[in-house]
C-alpha cells in the first residue's frame, strides 16, 4: 500500500513538473498566435489603403478633371477671373436658462 501511495505522489509530482515546464511555453505560443492574427488584420487593412492610394495617384496623374477638383477643394485654387468666397458657418445661439 505504501508503495502504491509513493507511485501516486511520484506520478502527481511528475505531472506538476511537466505542467510547470510547458505552461509558460504554451502561453507564449498563444500570445504569438494572437499577435500574428492582429498583424495579419492590420496587413489586410494597409493593403486596402495602399490600393486606394494607388488608384488616387493614377487619377491625379491622368485625370485633369479630378486634378482640378482636388486643387479647388484641398488647396483653395481658383481660376483666373473667379472670386473666391469663403463661407463661415454660423454657430447656433446658446441660451442660458
Protein backbone atom coordinates (compact mmCIF):
# COMPACT_ATOMS: atom_id res chain seq x y z
CA UNK A 1 0.00 0.00 0.00
CA UNK A 2 2.82 2.40 0.82
CA UNK A 3 4.45 1.63 -2.47
CA UNK A 4 1.23 2.49 -4.33
CA UNK A 5 0.98 5.82 -2.49
CA UNK A 6 4.59 6.66 -3.37
CA UNK A 7 3.91 5.86 -7.03
CA UNK A 8 0.82 8.09 -6.98
CA UNK A 9 2.80 11.01 -5.48
CA UNK A 10 5.62 10.40 -7.96
CA UNK A 11 3.19 10.50 -10.90
CA UNK A 12 1.46 13.57 -9.47
CA UNK A 13 4.82 15.28 -8.91
CA UNK A 14 5.99 14.40 -12.42
CA UNK A 15 2.71 15.73 -13.84
CA UNK A 16 3.06 19.01 -11.95
CA UNK A 17 6.69 19.30 -13.02
CA UNK A 18 5.77 18.81 -16.69
CA UNK A 19 2.91 21.28 -16.36
CA UNK A 20 5.22 23.90 -14.86
CA UNK A 21 7.80 23.26 -17.57
CA UNK A 22 5.44 23.54 -20.57
CA UNK A 23 2.81 26.04 -19.39
CA UNK A 24 4.94 29.19 -19.98
CA UNK A 25 5.85 27.99 -23.47
CA UNK A 26 2.23 27.22 -24.30
CA UNK A 27 1.06 30.64 -23.14
CA UNK A 28 3.82 32.29 -25.17
CA UNK A 29 2.69 30.38 -28.28
CA UNK A 30 -0.90 31.55 -27.71
CA UNK A 31 0.30 35.12 -27.26
CA UNK A 32 2.28 34.94 -30.50
CA UNK A 33 -0.72 33.49 -32.37
CA UNK A 34 -2.89 36.37 -31.19
CA UNK A 35 -0.27 38.90 -32.20
CA UNK A 36 0.08 37.21 -35.60
CA UNK A 37 -3.70 37.37 -36.13
CA UNK A 38 -3.70 41.08 -35.25
CA UNK A 39 -0.80 41.78 -37.61
CA UNK A 40 -2.47 39.88 -40.45
CA UNK A 41 -5.59 42.01 -39.99
CA UNK A 42 -3.51 45.16 -39.99
CA UNK A 43 -1.72 43.96 -43.13
CA UNK A 44 -5.08 43.50 -44.89
CA UNK A 45 -6.19 46.99 -43.85
CA UNK A 46 -2.94 48.53 -45.05
CA UNK A 47 -3.16 46.61 -48.32
CA UNK A 48 -6.64 48.00 -48.97
CA UNK A 49 -5.49 51.51 -48.07
CA UNK A 50 -2.47 51.13 -50.36
CA UNK A 51 -4.71 50.08 -53.26
CA UNK A 52 -6.96 53.09 -52.71
CA UNK A 53 -3.97 55.43 -52.61
CA UNK A 54 -2.55 53.90 -55.80
CA UNK A 55 -5.91 54.43 -57.51
CA UNK A 56 -6.00 58.05 -56.36
CA UNK A 57 -2.44 58.56 -57.59
CA UNK A 58 -3.39 57.23 -61.04
CA UNK A 59 -6.36 59.59 -61.12
CA UNK A 60 -4.18 62.53 -60.08
CA UNK A 61 -1.66 61.72 -62.80
CA UNK A 62 -4.09 61.11 -65.67
CA UNK A 63 -7.47 62.74 -64.96
CA UNK A 64 -7.45 66.54 -65.44
CA UNK A 65 -10.99 66.93 -64.09
CA UNK A 66 -10.01 65.16 -60.87
CA UNK A 67 -6.82 67.24 -60.67
CA UNK A 68 -8.88 70.42 -60.84
CA UNK A 69 -11.34 69.12 -58.25
CA UNK A 70 -8.52 68.31 -55.81
CA UNK A 71 -6.80 71.63 -56.44
CA UNK A 72 -10.01 73.52 -55.72
CA UNK A 73 -11.15 71.52 -52.67
CA UNK A 74 -7.90 70.80 -50.89
CA UNK A 75 -5.70 73.69 -51.89
CA UNK A 76 -8.20 76.51 -52.50
CA UNK A 77 -7.08 77.15 -56.08
CA UNK A 78 -9.37 79.33 -58.24
CA UNK A 79 -9.37 80.02 -61.96
CA UNK A 80 -8.32 83.36 -63.35
CA UNK A 81 -11.17 85.80 -63.04
CA UNK A 82 -13.02 83.86 -60.35
CA UNK A 83 -13.60 85.45 -56.99
CA UNK A 84 -13.08 83.12 -54.04
CA UNK A 85 -15.83 83.20 -51.42
CA UNK A 86 -15.31 81.66 -48.02
CA UNK A 87 -18.43 80.55 -46.21
CA UNK A 88 -18.18 80.67 -42.45
CA UNK A 89 -20.81 78.57 -40.66
CA UNK A 90 -22.81 80.45 -38.07
CA UNK A 91 -22.90 78.87 -34.64
CA UNK A 92 -26.30 78.36 -33.11
CA UNK A 93 -27.07 80.82 -30.38
CA UNK A 94 -26.68 79.45 -26.93
CA UNK A 95 -29.22 80.40 -24.38
CA UNK A 96 -28.63 80.22 -20.67
CA UNK A 97 -31.86 79.44 -18.86
